[in-house]
C-alpha atoms as a PDB file:
ATOM      1  CA  MET A   1      24.451   4.643  15.446  1.00  0.00           C
ATOM      2  CA  TYR A   2      23.807   0.918  15.916  1.00  0.00           C
ATOM      3  CA  ASP A   3      27.182   0.446  17.629  1.00  0.00           C
ATOM      4  CA  THR A   4      26.245   2.574  20.641  1.00  0.00           C
ATOM      5  CA  LEU A   5      22.590   1.519  21.074  1.00  0.00           C
ATOM      6  CA  PRO A   6      21.481  -1.693  22.771  1.00  0.00           C
ATOM      7  CA  GLU A   7      20.298  -4.459  20.462  1.00  0.00           C
ATOM      8  CA  ASP A   8      16.666  -4.378  21.651  1.00  0.00           C
ATOM      9  CA  VAL A   9      16.425  -0.643  20.916  1.00  0.00           C
ATOM     10  CA  CYS A  10      17.801  -1.214  17.395  1.00  0.00           C
ATOM     11  CA  ILE A  11      15.173  -3.906  16.792  1.00  0.00           C
ATOM     12  CA  LEU A  12      12.408  -1.519  17.893  1.00  0.00           C
ATOM     13  CA  ILE A  13      13.718   1.226  15.582  1.00  0.00           C
ATOM     14  CA  THR A  14      13.901  -1.070  12.546  1.00  0.00           C
ATOM     15  CA  ASP A  15      10.404  -2.428  13.284  1.00  0.00           C
ATOM     16  CA  PHE A  16       9.113   1.140  13.374  1.00  0.00           C
ATOM     17  CA  LEU A  17      10.814   2.091  10.077  1.00  0.00           C
ATOM     18  CA  HIS A  18       9.640  -0.951   8.120  1.00  0.00           C
ATOM     19  CA  GLY A  19       6.287  -2.503   7.355  1.00  0.00           C
ATOM     20  CA  LYS A  20       4.914  -5.500   5.486  1.00  0.00           C
ATOM     21  CA  CYS A  21       2.692  -5.082   2.421  1.00  0.00           C
ATOM     22  CA  ASN A  22      -0.633  -6.876   2.850  1.00  0.00           C
ATOM     23  CA  LYS A  23      -0.758  -7.874  -0.849  1.00  0.00           C
ATOM     24  CA  CYS A  24       2.720  -9.284  -1.541  1.00  0.00           C
ATOM     25  CA  ASN A  25       3.922  -9.871   2.079  1.00  0.00           C
ATOM     26  CA  ILE A  26       7.293  -8.227   1.445  1.00  0.00           C
ATOM     27  CA  THR A  27       8.849  -5.900   4.026  1.00  0.00           C
ATOM     28  CA  TYR A  28       9.484  -2.341   2.767  1.00  0.00           C
ATOM     29  CA  HIS A  29      10.698   0.973   4.161  1.00  0.00           C
ATOM     30  CA  PHE A  30       7.854   3.162   5.413  1.00  0.00           C
ATOM     31  CA  LYS A  31       8.366   5.696   2.582  1.00  0.00           C
ATOM     32  CA  THR A  32       7.332   3.126  -0.027  1.00  0.00           C
ATOM     33  CA  LEU A  33       4.128   2.113   1.781  1.00  0.00           C
ATOM     34  CA  LYS A  34       0.633   3.603   1.753  1.00  0.00           C
ATOM     35  CA  TYR A  35      -1.646   3.172   4.741  1.00  0.00           C
ATOM     36  CA  ASP A  36      -5.456   2.670   4.586  1.00  0.00           C
ATOM     37  CA  TRP A  37      -5.507   2.667   0.772  1.00  0.00           C
ATOM     38  CA  ILE A  38      -8.934   2.500  -0.888  1.00  0.00           C
ATOM     39  CA  SER A  39      -9.391   1.612  -4.549  1.00  0.00           C
ATOM     40  CA  PHE A  40     -12.205   3.224  -6.481  1.00  0.00           C
ATOM     41  CA  LYS A  41     -13.532   1.649  -9.641  1.00  0.00           C
ATOM     42  CA  TYR A  42     -15.498   3.887 -11.944  1.00  0.00           C
ATOM     43  CA  LYS A  43     -17.048   3.731 -15.347  1.00  0.00           C
ATOM     44  CA  SER A  44     -17.080   6.636 -17.741  1.00  0.00           C
ATOM     45  CA  VAL A  45     -20.588   7.149 -19.123  1.00  0.00           C
ATOM     46  CA  PHE A  46     -21.596  10.257 -21.086  1.00  0.00           C
ATOM     47  CA  ASP A  47     -18.352  11.997 -20.127  1.00  0.00           C
ATOM     48  CA  ASP A  48     -19.182  11.678 -16.413  1.00  0.00           C
ATOM     49  CA  SER A  49     -17.487   9.467 -13.889  1.00  0.00           C
ATOM     50  CA  TYR A  50     -19.738   7.192 -11.865  1.00  0.00           C
ATOM     51  CA  PHE A  51     -18.159   5.558  -8.849  1.00  0.00           C
ATOM     52  CA  PHE A  52     -19.361   2.125  -7.778  1.00  0.00           C
ATOM     53  CA  LYS A  53     -18.890   2.041  -4.018  1.00  0.00           C
ATOM     54  CA  GLU A  54     -19.759  -1.638  -3.636  1.00  0.00           C
ATOM     55  CA  LYS A  55     -16.591  -2.629  -5.571  1.00  0.00           C
ATOM     56  CA  ASN A  56     -14.142  -0.703  -3.362  1.00  0.00           C
ATOM     57  CA  GLU A  57     -11.223  -2.569  -1.896  1.00  0.00           C
ATOM     58  CA  THR A  58      -9.635  -1.329   1.329  1.00  0.00           C
ATOM     59  CA  ILE A  59      -6.090  -2.386   2.128  1.00  0.00           C
ATOM     60  CA  ARG A  60      -4.480  -1.385   5.405  1.00  0.00           C
ATOM     61  CA  ILE A  61      -0.846  -1.364   4.179  1.00  0.00           C
ATOM     62  CA  ILE A  62       0.189  -1.587   0.514  1.00  0.00           C
ATOM     63  CA  CYS A  63       3.433  -0.893  -1.354  1.00  0.00           C
ATOM     64  CA  HIS A  64       3.798   1.302  -4.424  1.00  0.00           C
ATOM     65  CA  HIS A  65       4.645  -1.720  -6.601  1.00  0.00           C
ATOM     66  CA  CYS A  66       1.323  -3.428  -5.763  1.00  0.00           C
ATOM     67  CA  ILE A  67      -0.581  -0.187  -6.397  1.00  0.00           C
ATOM     68  CA  ARG A  68       0.962   0.077  -9.889  1.00  0.00           C
ATOM     69  CA  LYS A  69       0.229  -3.595 -10.561  1.00  0.00           C
ATOM     70  CA  TYR A  70      -3.385  -3.107  -9.410  1.00  0.00           C
ATOM     71  CA  HIS A  71      -3.913  -0.121 -11.735  1.00  0.00           C
ATOM     72  CA  ILE A  72      -2.368  -1.846 -14.756  1.00  0.00           C
ATOM     73  CA  ARG A  73      -4.515  -4.941 -14.189  1.00  0.00           C
ATOM     74  CA  ASN A  74      -7.693  -2.843 -13.931  1.00  0.00           C
ATOM     75  CA  LEU A  75      -6.959  -0.849 -17.111  1.00  0.00           C
ATOM     76  CA  PHE A  76      -7.763  -3.879 -19.231  1.00  0.00           C
ATOM     77  CA  GLU A  77     -10.882  -5.102 -17.372  1.00  0.00           C
END
C-alpha cells in the first residue's frame, strides 16, 4: 500500500492511526488508547459506594498500560 501512495499521504495516515499517551508520552496504535478518560475514586462505607467528585482526574488520551498502572497504584492507597 505504501509503495503506490505519495509520502505525504502515508504520513497523514500514520498520524491518524497513532496517538501519544498523555501520561507516559509514548506513541501507540489507536486501538490501545482511550480518549477522554475520567478516573473515579470511591470509598466503600456501609456496603455503599460513595464517589468523591473533587478527586477525579481527566486525561484526554491514555494508554491501557497507564490505566492498569493507575488502578494498581490506587488499590494500595
